[in-house]
Protein backbone atom coordinates (compact mmCIF):
# COMPACT_ATOMS: atom_id res chain seq x y z
CA UNK A 1 11.98 5.63 19.19
CA UNK A 2 12.32 3.18 15.86
CA UNK A 3 15.50 1.78 17.90
CA UNK A 4 13.07 0.70 20.63
CA UNK A 5 11.01 -0.97 18.61
CA UNK A 6 10.31 -4.84 18.26
CA UNK A 7 10.73 -6.04 14.75
CA UNK A 8 7.73 -8.11 13.90
CA UNK A 9 7.71 -11.22 11.84
CA UNK A 10 4.40 -12.09 9.99
CA UNK A 11 5.15 -15.67 8.55
CA UNK A 12 2.98 -16.63 6.65
CA UNK A 13 0.60 -13.84 5.69
CA UNK A 14 0.27 -11.99 2.67
CA UNK A 15 0.58 -8.52 2.50
CA UNK A 16 -3.60 -7.96 2.39
CA UNK A 17 -3.85 -10.51 4.90
CA UNK A 18 -1.53 -7.83 7.13
CA UNK A 19 -3.71 -4.67 5.87
CA UNK A 20 -6.73 -6.05 6.28
CA UNK A 21 -6.39 -7.35 9.83
CA UNK A 22 -4.87 -4.18 11.03
CA UNK A 23 -7.08 -1.22 9.53
CA UNK A 24 -10.60 -1.16 11.21
CA UNK A 25 -13.22 -1.61 8.69
CA UNK A 26 -15.40 1.30 9.62
CA UNK A 27 -12.70 3.34 9.59
CA UNK A 28 -12.62 6.21 6.62
CA UNK A 29 -9.90 4.29 4.45
CA UNK A 30 -8.36 5.82 1.61
CA UNK A 31 -6.02 3.31 -0.37
CA UNK A 32 -3.79 5.79 -2.52
CA UNK A 33 -2.52 3.80 -5.41
CA UNK A 34 -4.90 1.10 -5.16
CA UNK A 35 -4.50 -0.84 -8.19
CA UNK A 36 -6.78 -3.67 -9.17
CA UNK A 37 -8.23 -3.22 -5.46
CA UNK A 38 -6.64 -6.42 -4.80
CA UNK A 39 -6.15 -5.21 -1.17
CA UNK A 40 -9.58 -5.27 -0.45
CA UNK A 41 -10.83 -8.48 -1.90
CA UNK A 42 -8.35 -10.59 -2.74
CA UNK A 43 -8.76 -14.41 -2.11
CA UNK A 44 -5.47 -15.82 -3.94
CA UNK A 45 -3.17 -14.13 -6.66
CA UNK A 46 -5.63 -11.64 -7.38
CA UNK A 47 -8.50 -13.94 -8.85
CA UNK A 48 -11.19 -11.91 -7.66
CA UNK A 49 -13.64 -14.74 -8.52
CA UNK A 50 -11.87 -16.61 -5.69
CA UNK A 51 -13.19 -13.86 -2.53
CA UNK A 52 -13.24 -14.98 1.10
CA UNK A 53 -16.83 -15.69 1.74
CA UNK A 54 -16.01 -13.39 5.65
CA UNK A 55 -14.47 -10.69 3.73
CA UNK A 56 -15.09 -7.72 6.03
CA UNK A 57 -17.01 -5.05 3.77
CA UNK A 58 -15.49 -1.22 4.26
CA UNK A 59 -18.63 0.87 3.75
CA UNK A 60 -16.07 4.42 3.92
CA UNK A 61 -13.55 2.85 1.34
CA UNK A 62 -11.97 5.84 -1.16
CA UNK A 63 -10.21 4.00 -3.64
CA UNK A 64 -6.92 6.50 -5.69
CA UNK A 65 -5.27 5.66 -8.45
CA UNK A 66 -3.09 7.19 -11.05
CA UNK A 67 -5.05 6.09 -14.34
CA UNK A 68 -8.44 5.61 -14.09
CA UNK A 69 -9.53 2.11 -13.60
CA UNK A 70 -12.87 0.71 -13.00
CA UNK A 71 -13.46 -0.60 -9.50
CA UNK A 72 -16.61 -3.01 -11.32
CA UNK A 73 -19.21 -4.12 -8.34
CA UNK A 74 -16.28 -3.32 -5.38
CA UNK A 75 -18.49 -0.88 -3.07
CA UNK A 76 -15.97 2.47 -2.74
CA UNK A 77 -15.77 5.41 -4.16
CA UNK A 78 -13.08 6.11 -6.32
CA UNK A 79 -11.06 9.30 -7.37
CA UNK A 80 -8.56 9.78 -10.38
CA UNK A 81 -5.34 11.61 -8.80
CA UNK A 82 -1.23 11.91 -8.05
CA UNK A 83 -0.28 10.26 -5.03
CA UNK A 84 2.36 13.50 -4.79
CA UNK A 85 -0.46 15.58 -5.00
CA UNK A 86 -4.16 14.33 -3.51
CA UNK A 87 -7.38 16.58 -3.79
CA UNK A 88 -8.52 15.96 -0.10
CA UNK A 89 -8.55 18.45 3.12
CA UNK A 90 -6.37 17.46 5.51
CA UNK A 91 -7.23 14.64 7.61
CA UNK A 92 -9.93 14.10 5.45
CA UNK A 93 -9.53 10.09 6.21
CA UNK A 94 -8.42 8.24 9.47
CA UNK A 95 -6.46 5.27 7.85
CA UNK A 96 -4.35 6.16 4.38
CA UNK A 97 -3.04 2.75 2.91
CA UNK A 98 0.55 2.78 0.89
CA UNK A 99 0.58 -0.85 -0.17
CA UNK A 100 3.26 -1.85 -3.01
CA UNK A 101 3.45 1.70 -4.30
CA UNK A 102 6.54 3.28 -2.91
CA UNK A 103 9.26 1.15 -5.18
CA UNK A 104 7.53 3.03 -8.03
CA UNK A 105 7.43 6.40 -6.87
CA UNK A 106 10.58 8.62 -7.50
CA UNK A 107 10.56 10.29 -4.11
CA UNK A 108 8.65 7.94 -1.44
CA UNK A 109 9.23 10.45 1.55
CA UNK A 110 7.05 12.96 -0.21
CA UNK A 111 4.55 10.59 -0.99
CA UNK A 112 4.41 9.35 2.91
CA UNK A 113 3.97 13.11 3.79
CA UNK A 114 1.29 14.08 1.67
CA UNK A 115 -0.36 10.89 2.73
CA UNK A 116 0.04 11.74 6.50
CA UNK A 117 -1.78 15.15 5.48
CA UNK A 118 -4.84 13.62 4.41
CA UNK A 119 -5.23 10.94 7.25
CA UNK A 120 -3.34 10.98 10.53
CA UNK A 121 -1.88 6.47 10.40
CA UNK A 122 -0.84 5.17 7.05
CA UNK A 123 -0.70 1.68 6.46
CA UNK A 124 2.37 0.70 4.23
CA UNK A 125 3.87 -2.06 2.42
CA UNK A 126 6.79 -2.92 -0.20
CA UNK A 127 7.79 -5.80 -1.34
CA UNK A 128 11.18 -6.68 -0.12
CA UNK A 129 14.13 -7.37 -3.45
CA UNK A 130 11.74 -7.05 -6.12
CA UNK A 131 13.52 -4.68 -8.99
CA UNK A 132 11.95 -4.88 -12.45
CA UNK A 133 13.11 -3.20 -15.70
CA UNK A 134 10.79 -2.69 -18.25
CA UNK A 135 13.78 -2.87 -20.66
CA UNK A 136 14.39 -6.23 -20.27
CA UNK A 137 12.18 -7.91 -18.01
CA UNK A 138 9.11 -6.42 -19.33
CA UNK A 139 7.42 -9.65 -20.05
CA UNK A 140 8.17 -11.45 -16.88
CA UNK A 141 7.06 -8.16 -15.12
CA UNK A 142 3.49 -7.95 -17.02
CA UNK A 143 2.89 -12.17 -16.29
CA UNK A 144 3.75 -11.04 -12.65
CA UNK A 145 1.52 -7.97 -12.19
CA UNK A 146 -1.74 -8.04 -14.51
CA UNK A 147 -1.94 -4.73 -13.87
CA UNK A 148 0.87 -3.91 -15.95
CA UNK A 149 -1.38 -3.23 -18.68
CA UNK A 150 -1.63 0.90 -17.27
CA UNK A 151 1.67 1.35 -19.44
CA UNK A 152 -0.44 1.17 -22.60
CA UNK A 153 -1.84 4.57 -20.83
CA UNK A 154 0.86 5.88 -19.27
CA UNK A 155 4.55 6.58 -20.28
CA UNK A 156 6.88 5.89 -17.44
CA UNK A 157 8.70 8.95 -17.96
CA UNK A 158 5.20 10.50 -16.73
CA UNK A 159 4.94 8.51 -13.82
CA UNK A 160 6.70 4.40 -12.90
CA UNK A 161 3.96 2.82 -12.59
CA UNK A 162 5.80 0.05 -14.53
CA UNK A 163 8.85 -0.20 -13.39
CA UNK A 164 10.26 -0.47 -10.07
CA UNK A 165 12.43 2.53 -9.11
CA UNK A 166 13.64 1.92 -5.92
CA UNK A 167 14.36 -1.35 -4.41
CA UNK A 168 13.37 -2.30 -0.60
CA UNK A 169 15.76 -4.60 0.82
CA UNK A 170 14.66 -4.66 4.52
CA UNK A 171 12.31 -3.26 6.45
CA UNK A 172 15.30 -0.81 7.63
CA UNK A 173 15.11 0.35 3.81
CA UNK A 174 11.34 1.38 4.28
CA UNK A 175 12.50 3.10 7.79
CA UNK A 176 14.95 4.97 5.76
CA UNK A 177 12.10 6.90 3.49
CA UNK A 178 9.65 7.61 6.87
CA UNK A 179 9.46 11.29 6.94
CA UNK A 180 10.63 12.78 10.27
CA UNK A 181 6.61 14.15 10.73
CA UNK A 182 6.10 10.93 11.58
CA UNK A 183 6.52 7.95 14.18
CA UNK A 184 6.73 4.43 13.63
CA UNK A 185 3.99 2.33 15.51
CA UNK A 186 4.76 -0.88 13.91
CA UNK A 187 6.97 -2.55 11.86
CA UNK A 188 7.83 -5.96 10.78
CA UNK A 189 8.40 -8.65 7.41
CA UNK A 190 5.97 -10.47 6.11
CA UNK A 191 6.50 -13.95 3.94
CA UNK A 192 4.05 -16.10 2.12
CA UNK A 193 4.71 -18.30 -1.11
CA UNK A 194 4.77 -14.68 -3.25
CA UNK A 195 8.21 -13.68 -1.30
CA UNK A 196 8.48 -11.43 1.04
CA UNK A 197 7.51 -7.99 2.47
CA UNK A 198 8.07 -4.82 4.63
CA UNK A 199 5.05 -3.54 6.06
CA UNK A 200 4.56 -0.30 9.06
CA UNK A 201 2.12 1.69 10.80
CA UNK A 202 3.12 5.14 10.90
CA UNK A 203 1.53 7.53 13.13
CA UNK A 204 1.41 11.87 12.70
CA UNK A 205 2.71 12.50 15.80
CA UNK A 206 0.30 13.68 19.03
CA UNK A 207 -2.44 11.29 16.57
CA UNK A 208 -4.75 8.87 18.54
CA UNK A 209 -4.13 5.62 16.70
CA UNK A 210 -7.16 4.19 14.07
CA UNK A 211 -5.47 0.84 13.59
CA UNK A 212 -6.26 -2.27 15.34
CA UNK A 213 -3.63 -4.75 16.62
CA UNK A 214 -3.17 -7.71 14.50
CA UNK A 215 -3.82 -10.47 16.52
CA UNK A 216 -2.17 -13.88 16.65
CA UNK A 217 0.28 -12.85 14.10
């Protein structure tokens, strides 16, 4: 099935724009590795005071992160958990979003298996060609990722939030970590002023789709 897919190009398009375009706002969404929730409220460079006025609301959004973040005024249910061991029953959600997370996870395939357990569809993005090593690039990494402050609370030996433990150079590298229990519905590459990223929509075998078409990309 992967061989028959059309590899799409979303240019210019930020990864969060693509996610918001393909996910139904009314679906039961779980954001795994939510960070500061910028996927859902980002206007530009994570500035929460520049939220687009037409940004949709997500009445059934659950945000999950390894660290206990403060979601502030953003309406969601926050759960502190490990992506490898989620405290939800099977099919608790319609869609799981795993955005800019797998590059931090030692076993990304296992993380996707767990995501597909709690939701029949998974929307995933990864940065292309980014590699941060805190020993040599810690300051630069902190400037590019304000949420790097998490490293004050969680050692990378416990969970590597703060360094990329895997580099994805092409969308094919993302497909290489997709579990065999998943069908790849869409895959492609996006480009924006912040660099390149790969995205894919995965569907658990025999599951009905809950993601919309991106439309115009």
